[in-house]
Amino acid sequence: LSQLDGTFNYDKLTDTVIKGKPLDRIKEPDLISSPYLTGLLDEFFDTNLIPLVETNRGCPYRCTFCAQGLSSFNSLNYFSFERVEDEIKYISKKVKNTNLLHFADANFGIVNRDIDIARLCKNLRETSGYPRKVSSNMAKNRPPDKMIEIGKLLGDTALIVSLQSLDEYVLERIKRKNIKISNFKEIIDNINKLG
């Protein structure tokens, strides 16, 4: 994709694949045109597909099983809060056949502004009815109180918090540590109490 206008550059992609050079990472994601705000995805609001919103790109971890764990992708680059807000509001006005929203981030909740994004979703749900449910892959190693706060704001939702493996050999090989079991249990217990 072109960094400025969102058009596909087949020659650049072909050249990159043939020569084996990685594409340069876009450090300012807002340079990528929004497929929602440009109207590119409007036709899909007539279906029952679930809208996806990406609030950041990259991942601070280097898990060997994940493409986002590549060394060139191990830092986070953020779409502006205003862009994320505009996209979610746009979706809430256009969506017809689903009440779900999915955050495509690798670690939703990894930064404090994700609490503000969850608060935005709660406010929109109360004023427009959408999104009634939100799903996301949650940050694994954040303090439990942050995850619990997001869970409270999102309400009837799917927060995915997982263990990568219980096998120490596997964890060493994939270059990953699990969330502390005590934190995992605290999050699960509190979310269950919230229903």
Protein backbone atom coordinates (compact mmCIF):
# COMPACT_ATOMS: atom_id res chain seq x y z
CA LEU A 1 0.00 0.00 0.00
CA SER A 2 1.16 3.47 -0.71
CA GLN A 3 1.87 5.35 2.48
CA LEU A 4 -0.13 8.36 1.36
CA ASP A 5 -3.09 7.34 -0.74
CA GLY A 6 -3.74 3.70 0.08
CA THR A 7 -3.20 2.51 -3.51
CA PHE A 8 -1.58 -0.83 -4.20
CA ASN A 9 1.91 -0.72 -5.71
CA TYR A 10 2.31 -4.12 -7.37
CA ASP A 11 5.75 -3.31 -8.82
CA LYS A 12 7.15 -2.40 -5.42
CA LEU A 13 5.71 -5.56 -3.86
CA THR A 14 7.02 -7.76 -6.68
CA ASP A 15 10.46 -6.16 -6.45
CA THR A 16 10.49 -6.72 -2.69
CA VAL A 17 9.44 -10.38 -2.96
CA ILE A 18 11.98 -11.13 -5.69
CA LYS A 19 14.89 -9.44 -3.93
CA GLY A 20 13.82 -10.62 -0.49
CA LYS A 21 14.06 -7.15 1.03
CA PRO A 22 11.56 -6.34 3.77
CA LEU A 23 9.21 -3.45 3.14
CA ASP A 24 9.92 -0.35 5.16
CA ARG A 25 7.70 -0.11 8.20
CA ILE A 26 5.24 2.77 8.24
CA LYS A 27 6.10 4.64 11.44
CA GLU A 28 3.09 6.97 11.28
CA PRO A 29 0.02 4.77 10.73
CA ASP A 30 -2.27 7.78 10.22
CA LEU A 31 -0.56 8.21 6.83
CA ILE A 32 -2.54 5.13 5.73
CA SER A 33 -5.98 6.19 4.55
CA SER A 34 -8.79 4.79 6.67
CA PRO A 35 -10.81 2.21 4.73
CA TYR A 36 -13.81 3.21 6.87
CA LEU A 37 -13.53 7.00 6.69
CA THR A 38 -12.94 6.92 2.92
CA GLY A 39 -16.11 4.86 2.46
CA LEU A 40 -14.19 1.95 0.96
CA LEU A 41 -15.88 -0.56 3.29
CA ASP A 42 -19.41 0.88 3.21
CA GLU A 43 -20.80 -1.98 1.11
CA PHE A 44 -19.84 -4.45 3.83
CA PHE A 45 -22.14 -2.79 6.36
CA ASP A 46 -25.02 -4.48 4.51
CA THR A 47 -23.60 -7.88 5.51
CA ASN A 48 -23.20 -9.50 8.91
CA LEU A 49 -19.42 -9.17 8.89
CA ILE A 50 -17.83 -7.87 12.10
CA PRO A 51 -15.95 -4.57 11.76
CA LEU A 52 -12.28 -4.63 12.77
CA VAL A 53 -10.45 -1.60 14.10
CA GLU A 54 -6.72 -1.40 14.54
CA THR A 55 -5.54 1.14 17.12
CA ASN A 56 -1.83 0.37 16.80
CA ARG A 57 0.61 -1.73 14.85
CA GLY A 58 3.47 -3.82 16.10
CA CYS A 59 4.23 -5.69 19.28
CA PRO A 60 6.92 -5.27 21.95
CA TYR A 61 7.40 -9.04 22.22
CA ARG A 62 9.49 -11.28 19.99
CA CYS A 63 7.48 -14.49 20.06
CA THR A 64 8.94 -16.81 17.46
CA PHE A 65 5.52 -18.02 16.31
CA CYS A 66 4.17 -14.58 15.43
CA ALA A 67 4.89 -12.29 12.48
CA GLN A 68 4.47 -9.23 14.70
CA GLY A 69 7.33 -10.51 16.81
CA LEU A 70 9.87 -9.93 14.05
CA SER A 71 12.63 -7.57 15.13
CA SER A 72 11.43 -4.93 12.67
CA PHE A 73 7.99 -4.96 14.26
CA ASN A 74 8.85 -5.05 17.95
CA SER A 75 7.85 -1.50 18.72
CA LEU A 76 4.37 -0.03 18.68
CA ASN A 77 3.15 2.68 16.34
CA TYR A 78 -0.21 4.20 17.14
CA PHE A 79 -3.08 5.47 15.07
CA SER A 80 -4.12 8.77 16.64
CA PHE A 81 -6.89 8.61 19.21
CA GLU A 82 -8.91 10.97 17.00
CA ARG A 83 -8.61 8.57 14.06
CA VAL A 84 -9.69 5.59 16.18
CA GLU A 85 -12.59 7.60 17.62
CA ASP A 86 -13.69 8.77 14.15
CA GLU A 87 -13.59 5.19 12.81
CA ILE A 88 -15.61 3.73 15.69
CA LYS A 89 -18.19 6.53 15.48
CA TYR A 90 -18.41 6.08 11.69
CA ILE A 91 -18.93 2.34 12.10
CA SER A 92 -21.60 2.88 14.78
CA LYS A 93 -23.59 5.06 12.35
CA LYS A 94 -23.27 2.67 9.39
CA VAL A 95 -23.38 -0.84 10.86
CA LYS A 96 -26.66 -2.71 10.25
CA ASN A 97 -26.44 -6.43 10.88
CA THR A 98 -24.04 -6.97 13.75
CA ASN A 99 -23.62 -5.56 17.22
CA LEU A 100 -19.98 -6.66 17.49
CA LEU A 101 -16.70 -4.78 17.12
CA HIS A 102 -13.27 -6.37 17.14
CA PHE A 103 -9.98 -4.65 17.95
CA ALA A 104 -7.30 -6.20 15.76
CA ASP A 105 -4.45 -5.13 18.03
CA ALA A 106 -2.04 -7.82 19.18
CA ASN A 107 -2.22 -6.48 22.76
CA PHE A 108 -5.27 -4.33 23.42
CA GLY A 109 -4.89 -2.73 26.84
CA ILE A 110 -1.11 -2.47 26.62
CA VAL A 111 -1.21 1.33 27.02
CA ASN A 112 -3.38 3.53 29.20
CA ARG A 113 -5.14 5.18 26.25
CA ASP A 114 -6.83 1.83 25.57
CA ILE A 115 -8.89 2.54 28.69
CA ASP A 116 -10.09 5.73 26.95
CA ILE A 117 -10.94 3.71 23.84
CA ALA A 118 -12.93 1.27 26.00
CA ARG A 119 -14.68 4.27 27.60
CA LEU A 120 -15.52 5.57 24.10
CA CYS A 121 -17.09 2.19 23.24
CA LYS A 122 -19.12 2.26 26.45
CA ASN A 123 -20.38 5.79 25.74
CA LEU A 124 -21.31 4.90 22.16
CA ARG A 125 -23.10 1.76 23.35
CA GLU A 126 -25.15 3.88 25.75
CA THR A 127 -26.02 6.52 23.12
CA SER A 128 -26.30 4.54 19.89
CA GLY A 129 -26.54 0.89 20.97
CA TYR A 130 -23.30 -0.01 19.18
CA PRO A 131 -21.00 -1.75 19.92
CA ARG A 132 -22.92 -3.99 22.26
CA LYS A 133 -20.00 -6.42 22.38
CA VAL A 134 -16.30 -5.89 21.79
CA SER A 135 -13.68 -8.58 21.35
CA SER A 136 -9.93 -8.18 21.47
CA ASN A 137 -6.70 -9.93 22.27
CA MET A 138 -5.69 -8.41 25.56
CA ALA A 139 -2.21 -7.42 26.65
CA LYS A 140 -0.77 -10.30 28.62
CA ASN A 141 1.51 -8.60 31.11
CA ARG A 142 -0.36 -5.50 32.22
CA PRO A 143 -1.41 -5.00 35.83
CA PRO A 144 -4.71 -6.84 36.48
CA ASP A 145 -6.45 -3.62 37.54
CA LYS A 146 -6.04 -2.20 34.00
CA MET A 147 -7.56 -5.28 32.39
CA ILE A 148 -10.36 -5.33 34.96
CA GLU A 149 -11.10 -1.65 34.32
CA ILE A 150 -11.33 -2.30 30.58
CA GLY A 151 -13.57 -5.28 31.29
CA LYS A 152 -15.90 -3.13 33.40
CA LEU A 153 -16.10 -0.46 30.71
CA LEU A 154 -16.74 -2.90 27.89
CA GLY A 155 -19.33 -4.85 29.86
CA ASP A 156 -20.86 -7.76 27.95
CA THR A 157 -17.76 -8.52 25.94
CA ALA A 158 -15.07 -11.04 25.11
CA LEU A 159 -11.71 -10.28 26.69
CA ILE A 160 -9.16 -12.82 25.58
CA VAL A 161 -6.39 -13.34 28.13
CA SER A 162 -4.37 -16.47 27.57
CA LEU A 163 -1.37 -18.51 28.58
CA GLN A 164 0.99 -19.28 25.73
CA SER A 165 1.96 -22.68 27.11
CA LEU A 166 2.43 -24.37 30.47
CA ASP A 167 5.60 -26.08 29.28
CA GLU A 168 8.78 -24.20 30.30
CA TYR A 169 10.75 -25.73 27.41
CA VAL A 170 8.19 -24.43 24.91
CA LEU A 171 8.10 -20.98 26.52
CA GLU A 172 11.88 -20.75 26.30
CA ARG A 173 11.87 -21.75 22.62
CA ILE A 174 9.10 -19.32 21.64
CA LYS A 175 10.81 -16.51 23.62
CA ARG A 176 7.75 -15.77 25.67
CA LYS A 177 6.77 -15.65 29.33
CA ASN A 178 3.24 -16.17 30.55
CA ILE A 179 1.22 -13.71 32.50
CA LYS A 180 1.75 -14.40 36.20
CA ILE A 181 -0.71 -17.08 37.29
CA SER A 182 -1.82 -14.89 40.22
CA ASN A 183 -2.59 -12.00 37.81
CA PHE A 184 -4.34 -14.36 35.41
CA LYS A 185 -6.51 -15.72 38.22
CA GLU A 186 -7.28 -12.21 39.52
CA ILE A 187 -8.44 -11.06 36.07
CA ILE A 188 -10.55 -14.17 35.50
CA ASP A 189 -12.13 -14.00 38.98
CA ASN A 190 -13.01 -10.32 38.63
CA ILE A 191 -14.39 -10.67 35.12
CA ASN A 192 -16.51 -13.61 36.27
CA LYS A 193 -17.84 -11.52 39.17
CA LEU A 194 -18.81 -8.85 36.65
CA GLY A 195 -20.78 -11.46 34.74
